[in-house]
Amino acid sequence: EVIGISESAVKVRIFRALKDLKVNYEKLELVNS
């Protein structure tokens, strides 16, 4: 409702965002180590 998209689109965005967040985190963790 807030964003103005369907609930299923929210689920897809969150899934993709979490996937990208994990990749970004792992890359940063590798560089840091």
Full PDB file with SEQRES, HELIX, SHEET, SSBOND, CRYST1, ORIGX, SCALE, CONECT and MASTER records, all heavy atoms in Angstrom:
SEQRES   1 A   33  GLU VAL ILE GLY ILE SER GLU SER ALA VAL LYS VAL ARG          
SEQRES   2 A   33  ILE PHE ARG ALA LEU LYS ASP LEU LYS VAL ASN TYR GLU          
SEQRES   3 A   33  LYS LEU GLU LEU VAL ASN SER                                  
HELIX    1 AA1 GLU A    7  ASN A   32  1                                  26    
CRYST1    1.000    1.000    1.000  90.00  90.00  90.00 P 1           1          
ORIGX1      1.000000  0.000000  0.000000        0.00000                         
ORIGX2      0.000000  1.000000  0.000000        0.00000                         
ORIGX3      0.000000  0.000000  1.000000        0.00000                         
SCALE1      1.000000  0.000000  0.000000        0.00000                         
SCALE2      0.000000  1.000000  0.000000        0.00000                         
SCALE3      0.000000  0.000000  1.000000        0.00000                         
ATOM      1  N   GLU A   1       0.827  -1.217   0.000  1.00  0.00           N  
ATOM      2  CA  GLU A   1       0.000   0.000   0.000  1.00  0.00           C  
ATOM      3  C   GLU A   1       0.852   1.254   0.000  1.00  0.00           C  
ATOM      4  O   GLU A   1       0.570   2.200  -0.727  1.00  0.00           O  
ATOM      5  CB  GLU A   1      -0.911   0.017   1.236  1.00  0.00           C  
ATOM      6  CG  GLU A   1      -2.183  -0.754   1.072  1.00  0.00           C  
ATOM      7  CD  GLU A   1      -3.082  -0.569   2.280  1.00  0.00           C  
ATOM      8  OE1 GLU A   1      -3.420   0.582   2.621  1.00  0.00           O  
ATOM      9  OE2 GLU A   1      -3.448  -1.595   2.879  1.00  0.00           O  
ATOM     10  N   VAL A   2       1.908   1.251   0.819  1.00  0.00           N  
ATOM     11  CA  VAL A   2       2.779   2.426   0.922  1.00  0.00           C  
ATOM     12  C   VAL A   2       3.468   2.707  -0.406  1.00  0.00           C  
ATOM     13  O   VAL A   2       3.515   3.838  -0.875  1.00  0.00           O  
ATOM     14  CB  VAL A   2       3.827   2.229   2.047  1.00  0.00           C  
ATOM     15  CG1 VAL A   2       4.906   3.293   1.975  1.00  0.00           C  
ATOM     16  CG2 VAL A   2       3.160   2.248   3.410  1.00  0.00           C  
ATOM     17  N   ILE A   3       4.006   1.654  -1.030  1.00  0.00           N  
ATOM     18  CA  ILE A   3       4.792   1.832  -2.254  1.00  0.00           C  
ATOM     19  C   ILE A   3       3.905   1.917  -3.492  1.00  0.00           C  
ATOM     20  O   ILE A   3       4.280   2.509  -4.493  1.00  0.00           O  
ATOM     21  CB  ILE A   3       5.829   0.684  -2.389  1.00  0.00           C  
ATOM     22  CG1 ILE A   3       6.815   0.762  -1.225  1.00  0.00           C  
ATOM     23  CG2 ILE A   3       6.574   0.761  -3.702  1.00  0.00           C  
ATOM     24  CD1 ILE A   3       7.838  -0.345  -1.205  1.00  0.00           C  
ATOM     25  N   GLY A   4       2.733   1.309  -3.420  1.00  0.00           N  
ATOM     26  CA  GLY A   4       1.829   1.345  -4.567  1.00  0.00           C  
ATOM     27  C   GLY A   4       2.074   0.226  -5.560  1.00  0.00           C  
ATOM     28  O   GLY A   4       1.938   0.426  -6.771  1.00  0.00           O  
ATOM     29  N   ILE A   5       2.468  -0.944  -5.050  1.00  0.00           N  
ATOM     30  CA  ILE A   5       2.657  -2.116  -5.904  1.00  0.00           C  
ATOM     31  C   ILE A   5       1.899  -3.287  -5.268  1.00  0.00           C  
ATOM     32  O   ILE A   5       1.383  -3.156  -4.158  1.00  0.00           O  
ATOM     33  CB  ILE A   5       4.159  -2.469  -6.076  1.00  0.00           C  
ATOM     34  CG1 ILE A   5       4.823  -2.762  -4.724  1.00  0.00           C  
ATOM     35  CG2 ILE A   5       4.886  -1.365  -6.819  1.00  0.00           C  
ATOM     36  CD1 ILE A   5       6.276  -3.208  -4.832  1.00  0.00           C  
ATOM     37  N   SER A   6       1.853  -4.409  -5.958  1.00  0.00           N  
ATOM     38  CA  SER A   6       1.127  -5.563  -5.417  1.00  0.00           C  
ATOM     39  C   SER A   6       1.942  -6.223  -4.302  1.00  0.00           C  
ATOM     40  O   SER A   6       3.158  -6.065  -4.216  1.00  0.00           O  
ATOM     41  CB  SER A   6       0.859  -6.583  -6.525  1.00  0.00           C  
ATOM     42  OG  SER A   6       2.070  -7.187  -6.937  1.00  0.00           O  
ATOM     43  N   GLU A   7       1.235  -6.990  -3.487  1.00  0.00           N  
ATOM     44  CA  GLU A   7       1.898  -7.695  -2.394  1.00  0.00           C  
ATOM     45  C   GLU A   7       2.907  -8.705  -2.933  1.00  0.00           C  
ATOM     46  O   GLU A   7       3.992  -8.871  -2.379  1.00  0.00           O  
ATOM     47  CB  GLU A   7       0.848  -8.395  -1.525  1.00  0.00           C  
ATOM     48  CG  GLU A   7       1.393  -8.964  -0.252  1.00  0.00           C  
ATOM     49  CD  GLU A   7       0.309  -9.512   0.664  1.00  0.00           C  
ATOM     50  OE1 GLU A   7      -0.869  -9.157   0.512  1.00  0.00           O  
ATOM     51  OE2 GLU A   7       0.665 -10.329   1.543  1.00  0.00           O  
ATOM     52  N   SER A   8       2.568  -9.364  -4.031  1.00  0.00           N  
ATOM     53  CA  SER A   8       3.505 -10.332  -4.608  1.00  0.00           C  
ATOM     54  C   SER A   8       4.749  -9.625  -5.147  1.00  0.00           C  
ATOM     55  O   SER A   8       5.863 -10.155  -5.057  1.00  0.00           O  
ATOM     56  CB  SER A   8       2.840 -11.170  -5.698  1.00  0.00           C  
ATOM     57  OG  SER A   8       2.349 -10.348  -6.725  1.00  0.00           O  
ATOM     58  N   ALA A   9       4.598  -8.413  -5.669  1.00  0.00           N  
ATOM     59  CA  ALA A   9       5.761  -7.643  -6.129  1.00  0.00           C  
ATOM     60  C   ALA A   9       6.657  -7.261  -4.952  1.00  0.00           C  
ATOM     61  O   ALA A   9       7.886  -7.240  -5.078  1.00  0.00           O  
ATOM     62  CB  ALA A   9       5.317  -6.398  -6.891  1.00  0.00           C  
ATOM     63  N   VAL A  10       6.040  -6.984  -3.802  1.00  0.00           N  
ATOM     64  CA  VAL A  10       6.820  -6.689  -2.590  1.00  0.00           C  
ATOM     65  C   VAL A  10       7.644  -7.908  -2.201  1.00  0.00           C  
ATOM     66  O   VAL A  10       8.834  -7.803  -1.896  1.00  0.00           O  
ATOM     67  CB  VAL A  10       5.894  -6.264  -1.420  1.00  0.00           C  
ATOM     68  CG1 VAL A  10       6.662  -6.215  -0.104  1.00  0.00           C  
ATOM     69  CG2 VAL A  10       5.247  -4.925  -1.702  1.00  0.00           C  
ATOM     70  N   LYS A  11       7.018  -9.079  -2.225  1.00  0.00           N  
ATOM     71  CA  LYS A  11       7.733 -10.313  -1.878  1.00  0.00           C  
ATOM     72  C   LYS A  11       8.923 -10.540  -2.801  1.00  0.00           C  
ATOM     73  O   LYS A  11      10.012 -10.903  -2.343  1.00  0.00           O  
ATOM     74  CB  LYS A  11       6.777 -11.514  -1.946  1.00  0.00           C  
ATOM     75  CG  LYS A  11       5.737 -11.516  -0.863  1.00  0.00           C  
ATOM     76  CD  LYS A  11       4.779 -12.686  -1.035  1.00  0.00           C  
ATOM     77  CE  LYS A  11       3.652 -12.621  -0.030  1.00  0.00           C  
ATOM     78  NZ  LYS A  11       2.691 -13.721  -0.205  1.00  0.00           N  
ATOM     79  N   VAL A  12       8.719 -10.301  -4.074  1.00  0.00           N  
ATOM     80  CA  VAL A  12       9.802 -10.479  -5.048  1.00  0.00           C  
ATOM     81  C   VAL A  12      10.925  -9.478  -4.770  1.00  0.00           C  
ATOM     82  O   VAL A  12      12.107  -9.834  -4.767  1.00  0.00           O  
ATOM     83  CB  VAL A  12       9.276 -10.341  -6.499  1.00  0.00           C  
ATOM     84  CG1 VAL A  12      10.412 -10.257  -7.498  1.00  0.00           C  
ATOM     85  CG2 VAL A  12       8.342 -11.487  -6.831  1.00  0.00           C  
ATOM     86  N   ARG A  13      10.557  -8.223  -4.526  1.00  0.00           N  
ATOM     87  CA  ARG A  13      11.576  -7.204  -4.248  1.00  0.00           C  
ATOM     88  C   ARG A  13      12.373  -7.543  -3.001  1.00  0.00           C  
ATOM     89  O   ARG A  13      13.596  -7.370  -2.964  1.00  0.00           O  
ATOM     90  CB  ARG A  13      10.938  -5.817  -4.073  1.00  0.00           C  
ATOM     91  CG  ARG A  13      10.689  -5.110  -5.366  1.00  0.00           C  
ATOM     92  CD  ARG A  13      10.409  -3.653  -5.128  1.00  0.00           C  
ATOM     93  NE  ARG A  13       9.849  -3.064  -6.332  1.00  0.00           N  
ATOM     94  CZ  ARG A  13       9.440  -1.820  -6.420  1.00  0.00           C  
ATOM     95  NH1 ARG A  13       9.494  -1.020  -5.370  1.00  0.00           N  
ATOM     96  NH2 ARG A  13       8.959  -1.350  -7.549  1.00  0.00           N  
ATOM     97  N   ILE A  14      11.684  -8.007  -1.960  1.00  0.00           N  
ATOM     98  CA  ILE A  14      12.379  -8.341  -0.718  1.00  0.00           C  
ATOM     99  C   ILE A  14      13.306  -9.531  -0.943  1.00  0.00           C  
ATOM    100  O   ILE A  14      14.457  -9.529  -0.486  1.00  0.00           O  
ATOM    101  CB  ILE A  14      11.383  -8.596   0.429  1.00  0.00           C  
ATOM    102  CG1 ILE A  14      10.737  -7.259   0.840  1.00  0.00           C  
ATOM    103  CG2 ILE A  14      12.064  -9.267   1.625  1.00  0.00           C  
ATOM    104  CD1 ILE A  14       9.627  -7.375   1.855  1.00  0.00           C  
ATOM    105  N   PHE A  15      12.820 -10.534  -1.646  1.00  0.00           N  
ATOM    106  CA  PHE A  15      13.652 -11.699  -1.936  1.00  0.00           C  
ATOM    107  C   PHE A  15      14.919 -11.282  -2.686  1.00  0.00           C  
ATOM    108  O   PHE A  15      16.034 -11.663  -2.329  1.00  0.00           O  
ATOM    109  CB  PHE A  15      12.857 -12.727  -2.751  1.00  0.00           C  
ATOM    110  CG  PHE A  15      13.678 -13.891  -3.206  1.00  0.00           C  
ATOM    111  CD1 PHE A  15      14.001 -14.919  -2.335  1.00  0.00           C  
ATOM    112  CD2 PHE A  15      14.158 -13.955  -4.516  1.00  0.00           C  
ATOM    113  CE1 PHE A  15      14.775 -15.991  -2.753  1.00  0.00           C  
ATOM    114  CE2 PHE A  15      14.933 -15.020  -4.946  1.00  0.00           C  
ATOM    115  CZ  PHE A  15      15.242 -16.045  -4.054  1.00  0.00           C  
ATOM    116  N   ARG A  16      14.748 -10.476  -3.730  1.00  0.00           N  
ATOM    117  CA  ARG A  16      15.892 -10.031  -4.524  1.00  0.00           C  
ATOM    118  C   ARG A  16      16.819  -9.123  -3.719  1.00  0.00           C  
ATOM    119  O   ARG A  16      18.044  -9.185  -3.848  1.00  0.00           O  
ATOM    120  CB  ARG A  16      15.417  -9.324  -5.783  1.00  0.00           C  
ATOM    121  CG  ARG A  16      14.776 -10.279  -6.780  1.00  0.00           C  
ATOM    122  CD  ARG A  16      14.271  -9.557  -8.009  1.00  0.00           C  
ATOM    123  NE  ARG A  16      13.670 -10.510  -8.943  1.00  0.00           N  
ATOM    124  CZ  ARG A  16      12.856 -10.164  -9.923  1.00  0.00           C  
ATOM    125  NH1 ARG A  16      12.545  -8.885 -10.122  1.00  0.00           N  
ATOM    126  NH2 ARG A  16      12.358 -11.076 -10.723  1.00  0.00           N  
ATOM    127  N   ALA A  17      16.217  -8.268  -2.891  1.00  0.00           N  
ATOM    128  CA  ALA A  17      17.020  -7.357  -2.072  1.00  0.00           C  
ATOM    129  C   ALA A  17      17.850  -8.131  -1.059  1.00  0.00           C  
ATOM    130  O   ALA A  17      19.028  -7.830  -0.852  1.00  0.00           O  
ATOM    131  CB  ALA A  17      16.111  -6.351  -1.362  1.00  0.00           C  
ATOM    132  N   LEU A  18      17.258  -9.149  -0.436  1.00  0.00           N  
ATOM    133  CA  LEU A  18      18.006  -9.968   0.522  1.00  0.00           C  
ATOM    134  C   LEU A  18      19.139 -10.729  -0.164  1.00  0.00           C  
ATOM    135  O   LEU A  18      20.235 -10.859   0.383  1.00  0.00           O  
ATOM    136  CB  LEU A  18      17.066 -10.944   1.247  1.00  0.00           C  
ATOM    137  CG  LEU A  18      16.162 -10.320   2.304  1.00  0.00           C  
ATOM    138  CD1 LEU A  18      15.129 -11.320   2.787  1.00  0.00           C  
ATOM    139  CD2 LEU A  18      16.984  -9.776   3.467  1.00  0.00           C  
ATOM    140  N   LYS A  19      18.850 -11.212  -1.354  1.00  0.00           N  
ATOM    141  CA  LYS A  19      19.861 -11.925  -2.133  1.00  0.00           C  
ATOM    142  C   LYS A  19      21.031 -10.987  -2.452  1.00  0.00           C  
ATOM    143  O   LYS A  19      22.198 -11.343  -2.253  1.00  0.00           O  
ATOM    144  CB  LYS A  19      19.215 -12.451  -3.419  1.00  0.00           C  
ATOM    145  CG  LYS A  19      20.076 -13.349  -4.244  1.00  0.00           C  
ATOM    146  CD  LYS A  19      19.263 -13.879  -5.428  1.00  0.00           C  
ATOM    147  CE  LYS A  19      20.140 -14.355  -6.533  1.00  0.00           C  
ATOM    148  NZ  LYS A  19      19.383 -14.695  -7.738  1.00  0.00           N  
ATOM    149  N   ASP A  20      20.730  -9.778  -2.918  1.00  0.00           N  
ATOM    150  CA  ASP A  20      21.771  -8.794  -3.233  1.00  0.00           C  
ATOM    151  C   ASP A  20      22.512  -8.348  -1.972  1.00  0.00           C  
ATOM    152  O   ASP A  20      23.726  -8.133  -1.998  1.00  0.00           O  
ATOM    153  CB  ASP A  20      21.175  -7.577  -3.940  1.00  0.00           C  
ATOM    154  CG  ASP A  20      20.738  -7.874  -5.358  1.00  0.00           C  
ATOM    155  OD1 ASP A  20      20.974  -9.003  -5.842  1.00  0.00           O  
ATOM    156  OD2 ASP A  20      20.131  -6.982  -5.990  1.00  0.00           O  
ATOM    157  N   LEU A  21      21.769  -8.188  -0.878  1.00  0.00           N  
ATOM    158  CA  LEU A  21      22.384  -7.789   0.383  1.00  0.00           C  
ATOM    159  C   LEU A  21      23.399  -8.838   0.829  1.00  0.00           C  
ATOM    160  O   LEU A  21      24.510  -8.502   1.253  1.00  0.00           O  
ATOM    161  CB  LEU A  21      21.322  -7.591   1.469  1.00  0.00           C  
ATOM    162  CG  LEU A  21      21.822  -7.126   2.831  1.00  0.00           C  
ATOM    163  CD1 LEU A  21      22.408  -5.719   2.736  1.00  0.00           C  
ATOM    164  CD2 LEU A  21      20.687  -7.150   3.848  1.00  0.00           C  
ATOM    165  N   LYS A  22      23.042 -10.098   0.705  1.00  0.00           N  
ATOM    166  CA  LYS A  22      23.947 -11.182   1.082  1.00  0.00           C  
ATOM    167  C   LYS A  22      25.212 -11.154   0.219  1.00  0.00           C  
ATOM    168  O   LYS A  22      26.327 -11.274   0.737  1.00  0.00           O  
ATOM    169  CB  LYS A  22      23.246 -12.534   0.933  1.00  0.00           C  
ATOM    170  CG  LYS A  22      24.115 -13.699   1.334  1.00  0.00           C  
ATOM    171  CD  LYS A  22      23.388 -15.013   1.152  1.00  0.00           C  
ATOM    172  CE  LYS A  22      24.321 -16.168   1.527  1.00  0.00           C  
ATOM    173  NZ  LYS A  22      23.778 -17.455   1.177  1.00  0.00           N  
ATOM    174  N   VAL A  23      25.042 -10.977  -1.092  1.00  0.00           N  
ATOM    175  CA  VAL A  23      26.200 -10.910  -1.995  1.00  0.00           C  
ATOM    176  C   VAL A  23      27.094  -9.731  -1.618  1.00  0.00           C  
ATOM    177  O   VAL A  23      28.320  -9.876  -1.516  1.00  0.00           O  
ATOM    178  CB  VAL A  23      25.736 -10.820  -3.470  1.00  0.00           C  
ATOM    179  CG1 VAL A  23      26.884 -10.472  -4.396  1.00  0.00           C  
ATOM    180  CG2 VAL A  23      25.059 -12.109  -3.897  1.00  0.00           C  
ATOM    181  N   ASN A  24      26.482  -8.564  -1.410  1.00  0.00           N  
ATOM    182  CA  ASN A  24      27.256  -7.371  -1.037  1.00  0.00           C  
ATOM    183  C   ASN A  24      27.996  -7.589   0.281  1.00  0.00           C  
ATOM    184  O   ASN A  24      29.169  -7.230   0.416  1.00  0.00           O  
ATOM    185  CB  ASN A  24      26.343  -6.149  -0.904  1.00  0.00           C  
ATOM    186  CG  ASN A  24      25.818  -5.662  -2.228  1.00  0.00           C  
ATOM    187  OD1 ASN A  24      26.334  -6.009  -3.285  1.00  0.00           O  
ATOM    188  ND2 ASN A  24      24.769  -4.859  -2.177  1.00  0.00           N  
ATOM    189  N   TYR A  25      27.301  -8.170   1.255  1.00  0.00           N  
ATOM    190  CA  TYR A  25      27.905  -8.408   2.567  1.00  0.00           C  
ATOM    191  C   TYR A  25      29.094  -9.360   2.447  1.00  0.00           C  
ATOM    192  O   TYR A  25      30.151  -9.114   3.024  1.00  0.00           O  
ATOM    193  CB  TYR A  25      26.859  -8.960   3.540  1.00  0.00           C  
ATOM    194  CG  TYR A  25      27.377  -9.117   4.952  1.00  0.00           C  
ATOM    195  CD1 TYR A  25      27.324  -8.057   5.852  1.00  0.00           C  
ATOM    196  CD2 TYR A  25      27.933 -10.308   5.391  1.00  0.00           C  
ATOM    197  CE1 TYR A  25      27.801  -8.186   7.140  1.00  0.00           C  
ATOM    198  CE2 TYR A  25      28.420 -10.455   6.676  1.00  0.00           C  
ATOM    199  CZ  TYR A  25      28.350  -9.392   7.555  1.00  0.00           C  
ATOM    200  OH  TYR A  25      28.830  -9.526   8.831  1.00  0.00           O  
ATOM    201  N   GLU A  26      28.910 -10.444   1.701  1.00  0.00           N  
ATOM    202  CA  GLU A  26      29.984 -11.421   1.550  1.00  0.00           C  
ATOM    203  C   GLU A  26      31.195 -10.816   0.841  1.00  0.00           C  
ATOM    204  O   GLU A  26      32.342 -11.117   1.190  1.00  0.00           O  
ATOM    205  CB  GLU A  26      29.475 -12.668   0.821  1.00  0.00           C  
ATOM    206  CG  GLU A  26      28.547 -13.498   1.685  1.00  0.00           C  
ATOM    207  CD  GLU A  26      27.852 -14.632   0.946  1.00  0.00           C  
ATOM    208  OE1 GLU A  26      27.909 -14.666  -0.314  1.00  0.00           O  
ATOM    209  OE2 GLU A  26      27.250 -15.471   1.624  1.00  0.00           O  
ATOM    210  N   LYS A  27      30.960  -9.975  -0.162  1.00  0.00           N  
ATOM    211  CA  LYS A  27      32.076  -9.301  -0.843  1.00  0.00           C  
ATOM    212  C   LYS A  27      32.825  -8.391   0.117  1.00  0.00           C  
ATOM    213  O   LYS A  27      34.063  -8.386   0.144  1.00  0.00           O  
ATOM    214  CB  LYS A  27      31.564  -8.481  -2.032  1.00  0.00           C  
ATOM    215  CG  LYS A  27      31.173  -9.294  -3.233  1.00  0.00           C  
ATOM    216  CD  LYS A  27      30.663  -8.391  -4.346  1.00  0.00           C  
ATOM    217  CE  LYS A  27      30.182  -9.186  -5.552  1.00  0.00           C  
ATOM    218  NZ  LYS A  27      29.606  -8.307  -6.588  1.00  0.00           N  
ATOM    219  N   LEU A  28      32.074  -7.621   0.899  1.00  0.00           N  
ATOM    220  CA  LEU A  28      32.708  -6.719   1.863  1.00  0.00           C  
ATOM    221  C   LEU A  28      33.456  -7.503   2.937  1.00  0.00           C  
ATOM    222  O   LEU A  28      34.541  -7.099   3.362  1.00  0.00           O  
ATOM    223  CB  LEU A  28      31.648  -5.813   2.510  1.00  0.00           C  
ATOM    224  CG  LEU A  28      31.059  -4.742   1.610  1.00  0.00           C  
ATOM    225  CD1 LEU A  28      29.818  -4.131   2.243  1.00  0.00           C  
ATOM    226  CD2 LEU A  28      32.088  -3.671   1.302  1.00  0.00           C  
ATOM    227  N   GLU A  29      32.886  -8.614   3.351  1.00  0.00           N  
ATOM    228  CA  GLU A  29      33.522  -9.458   4.354  1.00  0.00           C  
ATOM    229  C   GLU A  29      34.841 -10.025   3.816  1.00  0.00           C  
ATOM    230  O   GLU A  29      35.848 -10.058   4.537  1.00  0.00           O  
ATOM    231  CB  GLU A  29      32.556 -10.590   4.732  1.00  0.00           C  
ATOM    232  CG  GLU A  29      32.831 -11.243   6.056  1.00  0.00           C  
ATOM    233  CD  GLU A  29      31.718 -12.207   6.433  1.00  0.00           C  
ATOM    234  OE1 GLU A  29      31.173 -12.891   5.537  1.00  0.00           O  
ATOM    235  OE2 GLU A  29      31.405 -12.287   7.626  1.00  0.00           O  
ATOM    236  N   LEU A  30      34.844 -10.434   2.561  1.00  0.00           N  
ATOM    237  CA  LEU A  30      36.045 -10.960   1.931  1.00  0.00           C  
ATOM    238  C   LEU A  30      37.135  -9.895   1.841  1.00  0.00           C  
ATOM    239  O   LEU A  30      38.290 -10.141   2.194  1.00  0.00           O  
ATOM    240  CB  LEU A  30      35.713 -11.501   0.534  1.00  0.00           C  
ATOM    241  CG  LEU A  30      36.867 -12.118  -0.240  1.00  0.00           C  
ATOM    242  CD1 LEU A  30      37.409 -13.347   0.494  1.00  0.00           C  
ATOM    243  CD2 LEU A  30      36.422 -12.500  -1.637  1.00  0.00           C  
ATOM    244  N   VAL A  31      36.746  -8.704   1.385  1.00  0.00           N  
ATOM    245  CA  VAL A  31      37.711  -7.602   1.291  1.00  0.00           C  
ATOM    246  C   VAL A  31      38.246  -7.267   2.679  1.00  0.00           C  
ATOM    247  O   VAL A  31      39.451  -7.047   2.850  1.00  0.00           O  
ATOM    248  CB  VAL A  31      37.052  -6.356   0.654  1.00  0.00           C  
ATOM    249  CG1 VAL A  31      37.924  -5.124   0.786  1.00  0.00           C  
ATOM    250  CG2 VAL A  31      36.716  -6.631  -0.804  1.00  0.00           C  
ATOM    251  N   ASN A  32      37.376  -7.260   3.663  1.00  0.00           N  
ATOM    252  CA  ASN A  32      37.762  -6.934   5.031  1.00  0.00           C  
ATOM    253  C   ASN A  32      38.719  -7.979   5.604  1.00  0.00           C  
ATOM    254  O   ASN A  32      39.681  -7.643   6.279  1.00  0.00           O  
ATOM    255  CB  ASN A  32      36.517  -6.814   5.910  1.00  0.00           C  
ATOM    256  CG  ASN A  32      36.753  -5.995   7.159  1.00  0.00           C  
ATOM    257  OD1 ASN A  32      37.593  -5.118   7.171  1.00  0.00           O  
ATOM    258  ND2 ASN A  32      35.994  -6.294   8.187  1.00  0.00           N  
ATOM    259  N   SER A  33      38.465  -9.246   5.319  1.00  0.00           N  
ATOM    260  CA  SER A  33      39.318 -10.314   5.838  1.00  0.00           C  
ATOM    261  C   SER A  33      40.691 -10.311   5.162  1.00  0.00           C  
ATOM    262  O   SER A  33      41.678 -10.721   5.748  1.00  0.00           O  
ATOM    263  CB  SER A  33      38.646 -11.674   5.668  1.00  0.00           C  
ATOM    264  OG  SER A  33      38.583 -12.047   4.304  1.00  0.00           O  
TER     265      SER A  33                                                      
MASTER        0    0    0    1    0    0    0    6  264    1    0    3          
END                                                                             
